[in-house]
């Protein structure tokens, strides 16, 4: 899907993506599923950075809001996710999706994850 993590620290992750025509929907812009996948990946990985080795998690929910259309002309996009809360059984995080060149907001999202314990 042309996305990958580029920054990792405890409670914070940045992913980058390069949208192309292969990600287009029938109306000629990048499918919302591409943006949602970037958000979900960054959000989950941000939560993961707060967990000890061997402890798993799963998404309980994802909320994504799309602010601007994305096309191949948008160029590289960045998704920065930060953990807001990490308890014993749940964690919440928020993320922004921006155009790397202009800094314009393309979308944002939140997640709640269930912490599973040792896997």
PDB file of N, CA and C in Angstrom:
ATOM      1  N   UNK A   1       0.821  -1.215   0.000  1.00  0.00           N
ATOM      2  CA  UNK A   1       0.000   0.000   0.000  1.00  0.00           C
ATOM      3  C   UNK A   1       0.854   1.265   0.000  1.00  0.00           C
ATOM      4  N   UNK A   2       2.156   1.126  -0.108  1.00  0.00           N
ATOM      5  CA  UNK A   2       3.060   2.276  -0.146  1.00  0.00           C
ATOM      6  C   UNK A   2       2.975   3.110   1.128  1.00  0.00           C
ATOM      7  N   UNK A   3       3.067   2.452   2.282  1.00  0.00           N
ATOM      8  CA  UNK A   3       3.123   3.149   3.560  1.00  0.00           C
ATOM      9  C   UNK A   3       4.115   2.444   4.467  1.00  0.00           C
ATOM     10  N   UNK A   4       4.725   3.245   5.375  1.00  0.00           N
ATOM     11  CA  UNK A   4       5.721   2.665   6.286  1.00  0.00           C
ATOM     12  C   UNK A   4       5.953   3.597   7.464  1.00  0.00           C
ATOM     13  N   UNK A   5       6.398   3.038   8.599  1.00  0.00           N
ATOM     14  CA  UNK A   5       6.749   3.894   9.732  1.00  0.00           C
ATOM     15  C   UNK A   5       8.078   4.595   9.467  1.00  0.00           C
ATOM     16  N   UNK A   6       8.161   5.868   9.845  1.00  0.00           N
ATOM     17  CA  UNK A   6       9.406   6.622   9.675  1.00  0.00           C
ATOM     18  C   UNK A   6       9.924   7.211  10.985  1.00  0.00           C
ATOM     19  N   UNK A   7       9.092   7.269  12.000  1.00  0.00           N
ATOM     20  CA  UNK A   7       9.513   7.726  13.330  1.00  0.00           C
ATOM     21  C   UNK A   7       8.788   6.894  14.373  1.00  0.00           C
ATOM     22  N   UNK A   8       9.520   6.466  15.395  1.00  0.00           N
ATOM     23  CA  UNK A   8       8.946   5.680  16.489  1.00  0.00           C
ATOM     24  C   UNK A   8       9.556   6.142  17.799  1.00  0.00           C
ATOM     25  N   UNK A   9       8.715   6.413  18.770  1.00  0.00           N
ATOM     26  CA  UNK A   9       9.152   6.663  20.134  1.00  0.00           C
ATOM     27  C   UNK A   9       7.999   6.254  21.038  1.00  0.00           C
ATOM     28  N   UNK A  10       8.247   6.164  22.311  1.00  0.00           N
ATOM     29  CA  UNK A  10       7.179   5.712  23.194  1.00  0.00           C
ATOM     30  C   UNK A  10       5.994   6.666  23.128  1.00  0.00           C
ATOM     31  N   UNK A  11       4.838   6.118  22.750  1.00  0.00           N
ATOM     32  CA  UNK A  11       3.603   6.880  22.690  1.00  0.00           C
ATOM     33  C   UNK A  11       3.403   7.715  21.445  1.00  0.00           C
ATOM     34  N   UNK A  12       4.331   7.627  20.480  1.00  0.00           N
ATOM     35  CA  UNK A  12       4.227   8.446  19.261  1.00  0.00           C
ATOM     36  C   UNK A  12       4.833   7.712  18.074  1.00  0.00           C
ATOM     37  N   UNK A  13       4.119   7.772  16.944  1.00  0.00           N
ATOM     38  CA  UNK A  13       4.570   7.127  15.707  1.00  0.00           C
ATOM     39  C   UNK A  13       4.214   8.038  14.538  1.00  0.00           C
ATOM     40  N   UNK A  14       5.094   8.070  13.537  1.00  0.00           N
ATOM     41  CA  UNK A  14       4.787   8.760  12.285  1.00  0.00           C
ATOM     42  C   UNK A  14       4.941   7.748  11.154  1.00  0.00           C
ATOM     43  N   UNK A  15       3.899   7.633  10.335  1.00  0.00           N
ATOM     44  CA  UNK A  15       3.925   6.821   9.119  1.00  0.00           C
ATOM     45  C   UNK A  15       3.951   7.770   7.932  1.00  0.00           C
ATOM     46  N   UNK A  16       4.510   7.306   6.818  1.00  0.00           N
ATOM     47  CA  UNK A  16       4.409   8.065   5.582  1.00  0.00           C
ATOM     48  C   UNK A  16       3.834   7.164   4.505  1.00  0.00           C
ATOM     49  N   UNK A  17       3.183   7.789   3.550  1.00  0.00           N
ATOM     50  CA  UNK A  17       2.616   7.057   2.427  1.00  0.00           C
ATOM     51  C   UNK A  17       2.794   7.841   1.145  1.00  0.00           C
ATOM     52  N   UNK A  18       2.738   7.136   0.053  1.00  0.00           N
ATOM     53  CA  UNK A  18       2.850   7.746  -1.278  1.00  0.00           C
ATOM     54  C   UNK A  18       1.621   7.308  -2.079  1.00  0.00           C
ATOM     55  N   UNK A  19       0.529   8.095  -2.023  1.00  0.00           N
ATOM     56  CA  UNK A  19      -0.687   7.695  -2.739  1.00  0.00           C
ATOM     57  C   UNK A  19      -0.489   7.765  -4.248  1.00  0.00           C
ATOM     58  N   UNK A  20      -1.060   6.796  -4.919  1.00  0.00           N
ATOM     59  CA  UNK A  20      -0.976   6.745  -6.373  1.00  0.00           C
ATOM     60  C   UNK A  20      -2.319   6.374  -6.972  1.00  0.00           C
ATOM     61  N   UNK A  21      -2.350   6.300  -8.280  1.00  0.00           N
ATOM     62  CA  UNK A  21      -3.598   5.968  -8.971  1.00  0.00           C
ATOM     63  C   UNK A  21      -4.100   4.575  -8.614  1.00  0.00           C
ATOM     64  N   UNK A  22      -3.212   3.690  -8.191  1.00  0.00           N
ATOM     65  CA  UNK A  22      -3.642   2.349  -7.777  1.00  0.00           C
ATOM     66  C   UNK A  22      -4.514   2.393  -6.531  1.00  0.00           C
ATOM     67  N   UNK A  23      -4.539   3.527  -5.837  1.00  0.00           N
ATOM     68  CA  UNK A  23      -5.364   3.692  -4.635  1.00  0.00           C
ATOM     69  C   UNK A  23      -6.665   4.432  -4.926  1.00  0.00           C
ATOM     70  N   UNK A  24      -6.917   4.771  -6.190  1.00  0.00           N
ATOM     71  CA  UNK A  24      -8.095   5.548  -6.558  1.00  0.00           C
ATOM     72  C   UNK A  24      -9.379   4.726  -6.443  1.00  0.00           C
ATOM     73  N   UNK A  25     -10.457   5.443  -6.122  1.00  0.00           N
ATOM     74  CA  UNK A  25     -11.794   4.859  -6.157  1.00  0.00           C
ATOM     75  C   UNK A  25     -12.432   5.222  -7.502  1.00  0.00           C
ATOM     76  N   UNK A  26     -13.653   4.797  -7.767  1.00  0.00           N
ATOM     77  CA  UNK A  26     -14.277   5.067  -9.069  1.00  0.00           C
ATOM     78  C   UNK A  26     -14.495   6.552  -9.387  1.00  0.00           C
ATOM     79  N   UNK A  27     -14.462   7.437  -8.386  1.00  0.00           N
ATOM     80  CA  UNK A  27     -14.683   8.858  -8.692  1.00  0.00           C
ATOM     81  C   UNK A  27     -13.377   9.618  -8.905  1.00  0.00           C
ATOM     82  N   UNK A  28     -12.239   8.917  -8.922  1.00  0.00           N
ATOM     83  CA  UNK A  28     -10.988   9.534  -9.333  1.00  0.00           C
ATOM     84  C   UNK A  28     -10.152  10.182  -8.252  1.00  0.00           C
ATOM     85  N   UNK A  29     -10.354   9.805  -7.004  1.00  0.00           N
ATOM     86  CA  UNK A  29      -9.491  10.249  -5.901  1.00  0.00           C
ATOM     87  C   UNK A  29      -9.105   9.026  -5.074  1.00  0.00           C
ATOM     88  N   UNK A  30      -8.117   9.207  -4.198  1.00  0.00           N
ATOM     89  CA  UNK A  30      -7.674   8.100  -3.355  1.00  0.00           C
ATOM     90  C   UNK A  30      -8.829   7.643  -2.466  1.00  0.00           C
ATOM     91  N   UNK A  31      -9.029   6.345  -2.416  1.00  0.00           N
ATOM     92  CA  UNK A  31     -10.089   5.733  -1.621  1.00  0.00           C
ATOM     93  C   UNK A  31      -9.891   6.054  -0.142  1.00  0.00           C
ATOM     94  N   UNK A  32     -10.991   6.304   0.546  1.00  0.00           N
ATOM     95  CA  UNK A  32     -10.924   6.580   1.978  1.00  0.00           C
ATOM     96  C   UNK A  32     -10.295   5.451   2.767  1.00  0.00           C
ATOM     97  N   UNK A  33     -10.362   4.236   2.230  1.00  0.00           N
ATOM     98  CA  UNK A  33      -9.743   3.099   2.905  1.00  0.00           C
ATOM     99  C   UNK A  33      -8.238   3.227   3.005  1.00  0.00           C
ATOM    100  N   UNK A  34      -7.614   3.912   2.042  1.00  0.00           N
ATOM    101  CA  UNK A  34      -6.166   4.148   2.108  1.00  0.00           C
ATOM    102  C   UNK A  34      -5.853   5.058   3.292  1.00  0.00           C
ATOM    103  N   UNK A  35      -6.588   6.162   3.410  1.00  0.00           N
ATOM    104  CA  UNK A  35      -6.390   7.083   4.527  1.00  0.00           C
ATOM    105  C   UNK A  35      -6.703   6.395   5.857  1.00  0.00           C
ATOM    106  N   UNK A  36      -7.780   5.607   5.890  1.00  0.00           N
ATOM    107  CA  UNK A  36      -8.149   4.895   7.115  1.00  0.00           C
ATOM    108  C   UNK A  36      -7.078   3.882   7.506  1.00  0.00           C
ATOM    109  N   UNK A  37      -6.482   3.220   6.523  1.00  0.00           N
ATOM    110  CA  UNK A  37      -5.413   2.261   6.812  1.00  0.00           C
ATOM    111  C   UNK A  37      -4.200   2.963   7.389  1.00  0.00           C
ATOM    112  N   UNK A  38      -3.833   4.120   6.842  1.00  0.00           N
ATOM    113  CA  UNK A  38      -2.727   4.895   7.407  1.00  0.00           C
ATOM    114  C   UNK A  38      -3.032   5.295   8.848  1.00  0.00           C
ATOM    115  N   UNK A  39      -4.226   5.804   9.079  1.00  0.00           N
ATOM    116  CA  UNK A  39      -4.614   6.198  10.439  1.00  0.00           C
ATOM    117  C   UNK A  39      -4.585   5.006  11.387  1.00  0.00           C
ATOM    118  N   UNK A  40      -5.205   3.899  10.989  1.00  0.00           N
ATOM    119  CA  UNK A  40      -5.280   2.708  11.839  1.00  0.00           C
ATOM    120  C   UNK A  40      -3.888   2.157  12.133  1.00  0.00           C
ATOM    121  N   UNK A  41      -3.024   2.136  11.137  1.00  0.00           N
ATOM    122  CA  UNK A  41      -1.670   1.607  11.327  1.00  0.00           C
ATOM    123  C   UNK A  41      -0.877   2.463  12.307  1.00  0.00           C
ATOM    124  N   UNK A  42      -0.901   3.770  12.106  1.00  0.00           N
ATOM    125  CA  UNK A  42      -0.158   4.662  12.991  1.00  0.00           C
ATOM    126  C   UNK A  42      -0.728   4.654  14.407  1.00  0.00           C
ATOM    127  N   UNK A  43      -2.044   4.677  14.523  1.00  0.00           N
ATOM    128  CA  UNK A  43      -2.683   4.669  15.849  1.00  0.00           C
ATOM    129  C   UNK A  43      -2.347   3.403  16.622  1.00  0.00           C
ATOM    130  N   UNK A  44      -2.488   2.255  15.973  1.00  0.00           N
ATOM    131  CA  UNK A  44      -2.189   0.989  16.641  1.00  0.00           C
ATOM    132  C   UNK A  44      -0.727   0.879  17.031  1.00  0.00           C
ATOM    133  N   UNK A  45       0.154   1.305  16.143  1.00  0.00           N
ATOM    134  CA  UNK A  45       1.586   1.227  16.451  1.00  0.00           C
ATOM    135  C   UNK A  45       1.967   2.180  17.584  1.00  0.00           C
ATOM    136  N   UNK A  46       1.308   3.345  17.662  1.00  0.00           N
ATOM    137  CA  UNK A  46       1.578   4.261  18.769  1.00  0.00           C
ATOM    138  C   UNK A  46       1.228   3.595  20.099  1.00  0.00           C
ATOM    139  N   UNK A  47       0.088   2.927  20.141  1.00  0.00           N
ATOM    140  CA  UNK A  47      -0.286   2.182  21.356  1.00  0.00           C
ATOM    141  C   UNK A  47       0.733   1.078  21.631  1.00  0.00           C
ATOM    142  N   UNK A  48       1.125   0.377  20.579  1.00  0.00           N
ATOM    143  CA  UNK A  48       2.075  -0.730  20.719  1.00  0.00           C
ATOM    144  C   UNK A  48       3.376  -0.276  21.368  1.00  0.00           C
ATOM    145  N   UNK A  49       3.817   0.957  21.081  1.00  0.00           N
ATOM    146  CA  UNK A  49       5.083   1.446  21.649  1.00  0.00           C
ATOM    147  C   UNK A  49       5.031   1.606  23.163  1.00  0.00           C
ATOM    148  N   UNK A  50       3.839   1.594  23.741  1.00  0.00           N
ATOM    149  CA  UNK A  50       3.715   1.758  25.198  1.00  0.00           C
ATOM    150  C   UNK A  50       3.635   0.423  25.933  1.00  0.00           C
ATOM    151  N   UNK A  51       3.637  -0.680  25.191  1.00  0.00           N
ATOM    152  CA  UNK A  51       3.425  -1.994  25.796  1.00  0.00           C
ATOM    153  C   UNK A  51       4.744  -2.742  25.997  1.00  0.00           C
ATOM    154  N   UNK A  52       4.840  -3.503  27.068  1.00  0.00           N
ATOM    155  CA  UNK A  52       6.035  -4.331  27.243  1.00  0.00           C
ATOM    156  C   UNK A  52       6.056  -5.482  26.230  1.00  0.00           C
ATOM    157  N   UNK A  53       7.231  -6.025  26.010  1.00  0.00           N
ATOM    158  CA  UNK A  53       7.380  -7.155  25.079  1.00  0.00           C
ATOM    159  C   UNK A  53       6.430  -8.277  25.472  1.00  0.00           C
ATOM    160  N   UNK A  54       5.779  -8.862  24.467  1.00  0.00           N
ATOM    161  CA  UNK A  54       4.882  -9.990  24.693  1.00  0.00           C
ATOM    162  C   UNK A  54       3.462  -9.625  25.022  1.00  0.00           C
ATOM    163  N   UNK A  55       3.155  -8.328  25.172  1.00  0.00           N
ATOM    164  CA  UNK A  55       1.786  -7.889  25.458  1.00  0.00           C
ATOM    165  C   UNK A  55       1.148  -7.440  24.151  1.00  0.00           C
ATOM    166  N   UNK A  56      -0.048  -7.938  23.873  1.00  0.00           N
ATOM    167  CA  UNK A  56      -0.734  -7.633  22.630  1.00  0.00           C
ATOM    168  C   UNK A  56      -1.847  -6.626  22.823  1.00  0.00           C
ATOM    169  N   UNK A  57      -2.436  -6.231  21.704  1.00  0.00           N
ATOM    170  CA  UNK A  57      -3.562  -5.294  21.709  1.00  0.00           C
ATOM    171  C   UNK A  57      -4.408  -5.564  20.478  1.00  0.00           C
ATOM    172  N   UNK A  58      -5.616  -5.060  20.486  1.00  0.00           N
ATOM    173  CA  UNK A  58      -6.462  -5.093  19.293  1.00  0.00           C
ATOM    174  C   UNK A  58      -7.318  -3.843  19.282  1.00  0.00           C
ATOM    175  N   UNK A  59      -7.638  -3.375  18.095  1.00  0.00           N
ATOM    176  CA  UNK A  59      -8.480  -2.178  17.964  1.00  0.00           C
ATOM    177  C   UNK A  59      -9.914  -2.513  18.346  1.00  0.00           C
ATOM    178  N   UNK A  60     -10.491  -1.671  19.185  1.00  0.00           N
ATOM    179  CA  UNK A  60     -11.907  -1.784  19.518  1.00  0.00           C
ATOM    180  C   UNK A  60     -12.738  -0.895  18.611  1.00  0.00           C
ATOM    181  N   UNK A  61     -12.126   0.169  18.119  1.00  0.00           N
ATOM    182  CA  UNK A  61     -12.853   1.078  17.236  1.00  0.00           C
ATOM    183  C   UNK A  61     -11.900   2.044  16.573  1.00  0.00           C
ATOM    184  N   UNK A  62     -12.307   2.506  15.421  1.00  0.00           N
ATOM    185  CA  UNK A  62     -11.552   3.509  14.668  1.00  0.00           C
ATOM    186  C   UNK A  62     -12.543   4.533  14.171  1.00  0.00           C
ATOM    187  N   UNK A  63     -12.268   5.814  14.418  1.00  0.00           N
ATOM    188  CA  UNK A  63     -13.078   6.883  13.850  1.00  0.00           C
ATOM    189  C   UNK A  63     -12.172   7.717  12.960  1.00  0.00           C
ATOM    190  N   UNK A  64     -12.550   7.856  11.711  1.00  0.00           N
ATOM    191  CA  UNK A  64     -11.762   8.604  10.737  1.00  0.00           C
ATOM    192  C   UNK A  64     -12.615   9.721  10.144  1.00  0.00           C
ATOM    193  N   UNK A  65     -12.020  10.885  10.037  1.00  0.00           N
ATOM    194  CA  UNK A  65     -12.668  12.044   9.409  1.00  0.00           C
ATOM    195  C   UNK A  65     -11.782  12.495   8.259  1.00  0.00           C
ATOM    196  N   UNK A  66     -12.356  12.644   7.076  1.00  0.00           N
ATOM    197  CA  UNK A  66     -11.621  13.056   5.894  1.00  0.00           C
ATOM    198  C   UNK A  66     -11.926  14.532   5.624  1.00  0.00           C
ATOM    199  N   UNK A  67     -10.884  15.356   5.560  1.00  0.00           N
ATOM    200  CA  UNK A  67     -11.041  16.801   5.441  1.00  0.00           C
ATOM    201  C   UNK A  67     -10.869  17.281   4.008  1.00  0.00           C
ATOM    202  N   UNK A  68      -9.897  16.690   3.295  1.00  0.00           N
ATOM    203  CA  UNK A  68      -9.614  17.060   1.903  1.00  0.00           C
ATOM    204  C   UNK A  68      -9.424  15.793   1.085  1.00  0.00           C
ATOM    205  N   UNK A  69      -9.722  15.857  -0.219  1.00  0.00           N
ATOM    206  CA  UNK A  69      -9.445  14.693  -1.068  1.00  0.00           C
ATOM    207  C   UNK A  69      -7.940  14.500  -1.236  1.00  0.00           C
ATOM    208  N   UNK A  70      -7.550  13.259  -1.443  1.00  0.00           N
ATOM    209  CA  UNK A  70      -6.155  12.910  -1.685  1.00  0.00           C
ATOM    210  C   UNK A  70      -6.064  12.362  -3.108  1.00  0.00           C
ATOM    211  N   UNK A  71      -5.023  12.772  -3.819  1.00  0.00           N
ATOM    212  CA  UNK A  71      -4.761  12.230  -5.153  1.00  0.00           C
ATOM    213  C   UNK A  71      -3.261  11.974  -5.272  1.00  0.00           C
ATOM    214  N   UNK A  72      -2.836  11.437  -6.400  1.00  0.00           N
ATOM    215  CA  UNK A  72      -1.393  11.227  -6.579  1.00  0.00           C
ATOM    216  C   UNK A  72      -0.667  12.555  -6.585  1.00  0.00           C
ATOM    217  N   UNK A  73      -1.364  13.636  -6.973  1.00  0.00           N
ATOM    218  CA  UNK A  73      -0.762  14.971  -6.979  1.00  0.00           C
ATOM    219  C   UNK A  73      -0.529  15.522  -5.574  1.00  0.00           C
ATOM    220  N   UNK A  74      -1.195  14.952  -4.579  1.00  0.00           N
ATOM    221  CA  UNK A  74      -0.977  15.359  -3.186  1.00  0.00           C
ATOM    222  C   UNK A  74       0.464  15.089  -2.790  1.00  0.00           C
ATOM    223  N   UNK A  75       1.032  14.037  -3.350  1.00  0.00           N
ATOM    224  CA  UNK A  75       2.394  13.662  -2.990  1.00  0.00           C
ATOM    225  C   UNK A  75       2.433  12.909  -1.676  1.00  0.00           C
ATOM    226  N   UNK A  76       3.601  12.873  -1.095  1.00  0.00           N
ATOM    227  CA  UNK A  76       3.825  12.120   0.140  1.00  0.00           C
ATOM    228  C   UNK A  76       2.927  12.660   1.248  1.00  0.00           C
ATOM    229  N   UNK A  77       2.347  11.741   2.015  1.00  0.00           N
ATOM    230  CA  UNK A  77       1.498  12.104   3.152  1.00  0.00           C
ATOM    231  C   UNK A  77       2.109  11.559   4.437  1.00  0.00           C
ATOM    232  N   UNK A  78       1.865  12.270   5.518  1.00  0.00           N
ATOM    233  CA  UNK A  78       2.372  11.878   6.834  1.00  0.00           C
ATOM    234  C   UNK A  78       1.208  11.679   7.787  1.00  0.00           C
ATOM    235  N   UNK A  79       1.302  10.638   8.600  1.00  0.00           N
ATOM    236  CA  UNK A  79       0.290  10.358   9.612  1.00  0.00           C
ATOM    237  C   UNK A  79       0.983  10.258  10.960  1.00  0.00           C
ATOM    238  N   UNK A  80       0.718  11.223  11.827  1.00  0.00           N
ATOM    239  CA  UNK A  80       1.333  11.256  13.150  1.00  0.00           C
ATOM    240  C   UNK A  80       0.298  10.871  14.202  1.00  0.00           C
ATOM    241  N   UNK A  81       0.618   9.843  14.982  1.00  0.00           N
ATOM    242  CA  UNK A  81      -0.292   9.351  16.018  1.00  0.00           C
ATOM    243  C   UNK A  81       0.356   9.474  17.383  1.00  0.00           C
ATOM    244  N   UNK A  82      -0.454   9.850  18.363  1.00  0.00           N
ATOM    245  CA  UNK A  82      -0.002  10.026  19.736  1.00  0.00           C
ATOM    246  C   UNK A  82      -0.984   9.357  20.688  1.00  0.00           C
ATOM    247  N   UNK A  83      -0.450   8.641  21.657  1.00  0.00           N
ATOM    248  CA  UNK A  83      -1.289   8.007  22.680  1.00  0.00           C
ATOM    249  C   UNK A  83      -1.759   9.080  23.658  1.00  0.00           C
ATOM    250  N   UNK A  84      -3.063   9.113  23.899  1.00  0.00           N
ATOM    251  CA  UNK A  84      -3.650  10.048  24.851  1.00  0.00           C
ATOM    252  C   UNK A  84      -3.768   9.447  26.241  1.00  0.00           C
ATOM    253  N   UNK A  85      -4.071   8.150  26.278  1.00  0.00           N
ATOM    254  CA  UNK A  85      -4.287   7.457  27.549  1.00  0.00           C
ATOM    255  C   UNK A  85      -3.915   5.994  27.371  1.00  0.00           C
ATOM    256  N   UNK A  86      -3.176   5.463  28.346  1.00  0.00           N
ATOM    257  CA  UNK A  86      -2.908   4.031  28.363  1.00  0.00           C
ATOM    258  C   UNK A  86      -3.108   3.525  29.773  1.00  0.00           C
ATOM    259  N   UNK A  87      -4.170   2.768  29.915  1.00  0.00           N
ATOM    260  CA  UNK A  87      -4.461   2.149  31.197  1.00  0.00           C
ATOM    261  C   UNK A  87      -4.045   0.690  31.178  1.00  0.00           C
ATOM    262  N   UNK A  88      -4.553  -0.055  32.135  1.00  0.00           N
ATOM    263  CA  UNK A  88      -4.220  -1.479  32.244  1.00  0.00           C
ATOM    264  C   UNK A  88      -4.912  -2.309  31.171  1.00  0.00           C
ATOM    265  N   UNK A  89      -6.142  -1.929  30.787  1.00  0.00           N
ATOM    266  CA  UNK A  89      -6.924  -2.730  29.834  1.00  0.00           C
ATOM    267  C   UNK A  89      -7.269  -2.012  28.538  1.00  0.00           C
ATOM    268  N   UNK A  90      -7.139  -0.695  28.507  1.00  0.00           N
ATOM    269  CA  UNK A  90      -7.482   0.064  27.303  1.00  0.00           C
ATOM    270  C   UNK A  90      -6.483   1.182  27.071  1.00  0.00           C
ATOM    271  N   UNK A  91      -6.405   1.600  25.808  1.00  0.00           N
ATOM    272  CA  UNK A  91      -5.606   2.767  25.435  1.00  0.00           C
ATOM    273  C   UNK A  91      -6.366   3.539  24.368  1.00  0.00           C
ATOM    274  N   UNK A  92      -6.190   4.864  24.354  1.00  0.00           N
ATOM    275  CA  UNK A  92      -6.773   5.691  23.301  1.00  0.00           C
ATOM    276  C   UNK A  92      -5.657   6.511  22.660  1.00  0.00           C
ATOM    277  N   UNK A  93      -5.819   6.783  21.376  1.00  0.00           N
ATOM    278  CA  UNK A  93      -4.821   7.559  20.640  1.00  0.00           C
ATOM    279  C   UNK A  93      -5.525   8.408  19.599  1.00  0.00           C
ATOM    280  N   UNK A  94      -4.835   9.476  19.157  1.00  0.00           N
ATOM    281  CA  UNK A  94      -5.354  10.344  18.104  1.00  0.00           C
ATOM    282  C   UNK A  94      -4.270  10.530  17.054  1.00  0.00           C
ATOM    283  N   UNK A  95      -4.697  10.835  15.820  1.00  0.00           N
ATOM    284  CA  UNK A  95      -3.742  11.004  14.725  1.00  0.00           C
ATOM    285  C   UNK A  95      -4.218  12.071  13.756  1.00  0.00           C
ATOM    286  N   UNK A  96      -3.237  12.679  13.078  1.00  0.00           N
ATOM    287  CA  UNK A  96      -3.514  13.595  11.979  1.00  0.00           C
ATOM    288  C   UNK A  96      -2.845  13.056  10.724  1.00  0.00           C
ATOM    289  N   UNK A  97      -3.490  13.283   9.595  1.00  0.00           N
ATOM    290  CA  UNK A  97      -2.963  12.911   8.289  1.00  0.00           C
ATOM    291  C   UNK A  97      -2.786  14.206   7.503  1.00  0.00           C
ATOM    292  N   UNK A  98      -1.537  14.492   7.103  1.00  0.00           N
ATOM    293  CA  UNK A  98      -1.234  15.749   6.434  1.00  0.00           C
ATOM    294  C   UNK A  98      -0.453  15.520   5.143  1.00  0.00           C
ATOM    295  N   UNK A  99      -0.534  16.488   4.239  1.00  0.00           N
ATOM    296  CA  UNK A  99       0.300  16.498   3.044  1.00  0.00           C
ATOM    297  C   UNK A  99       1.698  16.933   3.472  1.00  0.00           C
ATOM    298  N   UNK A 100       2.716  16.148   3.137  1.00  0.00           N
ATOM    299  CA  UNK A 100       4.074  16.429   3.593  1.00  0.00           C
ATOM    300  C   UNK A 100       4.584  17.773   3.073  1.00  0.00           C
ATOM    301  N   UNK A 101       4.312  18.096   1.816  1.00  0.00           N
ATOM    302  CA  UNK A 101       4.847  19.330   1.223  1.00  0.00           C
ATOM    303  C   UNK A 101       4.177  20.592   1.763  1.00  0.00           C
ATOM    304  N   UNK A 102       2.871  20.578   1.866  1.00  0.00           N
ATOM    305  CA  UNK A 102       2.143  21.796   2.248  1.00  0.00           C
ATOM    306  C   UNK A 102       1.783  21.849   3.728  1.00  0.00           C
ATOM    307  N   UNK A 103       1.770  20.693   4.388  1.00  0.00           N
ATOM    308  CA  UNK A 103       1.333  20.647   5.784  1.00  0.00           C
ATOM    309  C   UNK A 103      -0.173  20.708   5.950  1.00  0.00           C
ATOM    310  N   UNK A 104      -0.918  20.720   4.843  1.00  0.00           N
ATOM    311  CA  UNK A 104      -2.377  20.803   4.933  1.00  0.00           C
ATOM    312  C   UNK A 104      -2.961  19.538   5.546  1.00  0.00           C
ATOM    313  N   UNK A 105      -3.952  19.739   6.406  1.00  0.00           N
ATOM    314  CA  UNK A 105      -4.647  18.631   7.036  1.00  0.00           C
ATOM    315  C   UNK A 105      -5.522  17.922   6.005  1.00  0.00           C
ATOM    316  N   UNK A 106      -5.360  16.616   5.898  1.00  0.00           N
ATOM    317  CA  UNK A 106      -6.151  15.795   4.975  1.00  0.00           C
ATOM    318  C   UNK A 106      -7.213  14.986   5.715  1.00  0.00           C
ATOM    319  N   UNK A 107      -6.921  14.640   6.958  1.00  0.00           N
ATOM    320  CA  UNK A 107      -7.842  13.858   7.770  1.00  0.00           C
ATOM    321  C   UNK A 107      -7.302  13.703   9.179  1.00  0.00           C
ATOM    322  N   UNK A 108      -8.149  13.145  10.036  1.00  0.00           N
ATOM    323  CA  UNK A 108      -7.721  12.876  11.417  1.00  0.00           C
ATOM    324  C   UNK A 108      -8.556  11.735  11.953  1.00  0.00           C
ATOM    325  N   UNK A 109      -8.092  11.138  13.045  1.00  0.00           N
ATOM    326  CA  UNK A 109      -8.820  10.002  13.579  1.00  0.00           C
ATOM    327  C   UNK A 109      -8.437   9.680  15.007  1.00  0.00           C
ATOM    328  N   UNK A 110      -9.236   8.796  15.580  1.00  0.00           N
ATOM    329  CA  UNK A 110      -8.987   8.309  16.936  1.00  0.00           C
ATOM    330  C   UNK A 110      -9.222   6.803  16.977  1.00  0.00           C
ATOM    331  N   UNK A 111      -8.637   6.184  17.974  1.00  0.00           N
ATOM    332  CA  UNK A 111      -8.870   4.762  18.201  1.00  0.00           C
ATOM    333  C   UNK A 111      -8.941   4.490  19.686  1.00  0.00           C
ATOM    334  N   UNK A 112      -9.597   3.418  20.028  1.00  0.00           N
ATOM    335  CA  UNK A 112      -9.522   2.814  21.345  1.00  0.00           C
ATOM    336  C   UNK A 112      -9.067   1.383  21.129  1.00  0.00           C
ATOM    337  N   UNK A 113      -8.050   0.977  21.869  1.00  0.00           N
ATOM    338  CA  UNK A 113      -7.515  -0.378  21.772  1.00  0.00           C
ATOM    339  C   UNK A 113      -7.681  -1.095  23.100  1.00  0.00           C
ATOM    340  N   UNK A 114      -7.950  -2.392  23.014  1.00  0.00           N
ATOM    341  CA  UNK A 114      -7.988  -3.246  24.192  1.00  0.00           C
ATOM    342  C   UNK A 114      -6.612  -3.881  24.343  1.00  0.00           C
ATOM    343  N   UNK A 115      -6.071  -3.798  25.545  1.00  0.00           N
ATOM    344  CA  UNK A 115      -4.791  -4.419  25.840  1.00  0.00           C
ATOM    345  C   UNK A 115      -5.058  -5.854  26.280  1.00  0.00           C
ATOM    346  N   UNK A 116      -4.419  -6.788  25.591  1.00  0.00           N
ATOM    347  CA  UNK A 116      -4.744  -8.206  25.745  1.00  0.00           C
ATOM    348  C   UNK A 116      -3.913  -8.948  26.774  1.00  0.00           C
ATOM    349  N   UNK A 117      -2.814  -8.395  27.193  1.00  0.00           N
ATOM    350  CA  UNK A 117      -1.921  -9.123  28.073  1.00  0.00           C
ATOM    351  C   UNK A 117      -0.945  -9.935  27.248  1.00  0.00           C
ATOM    352  N   UNK A 118      -0.256 -10.846  27.891  1.00  0.00           N
ATOM    353  CA  UNK A 118       0.769 -11.641  27.204  1.00  0.00           C
ATOM    354  C   UNK A 118       0.153 -12.444  26.070  1.00  0.00           C
ATOM    355  N   UNK A 119       0.845 -12.470  24.929  1.00  0.00           N
ATOM    356  CA  UNK A 119       0.373 -13.236  23.775  1.00  0.00           C
ATOM    357  C   UNK A 119       1.367 -14.330  23.439  1.00  0.00           C
TER     358      UNK A 119
END
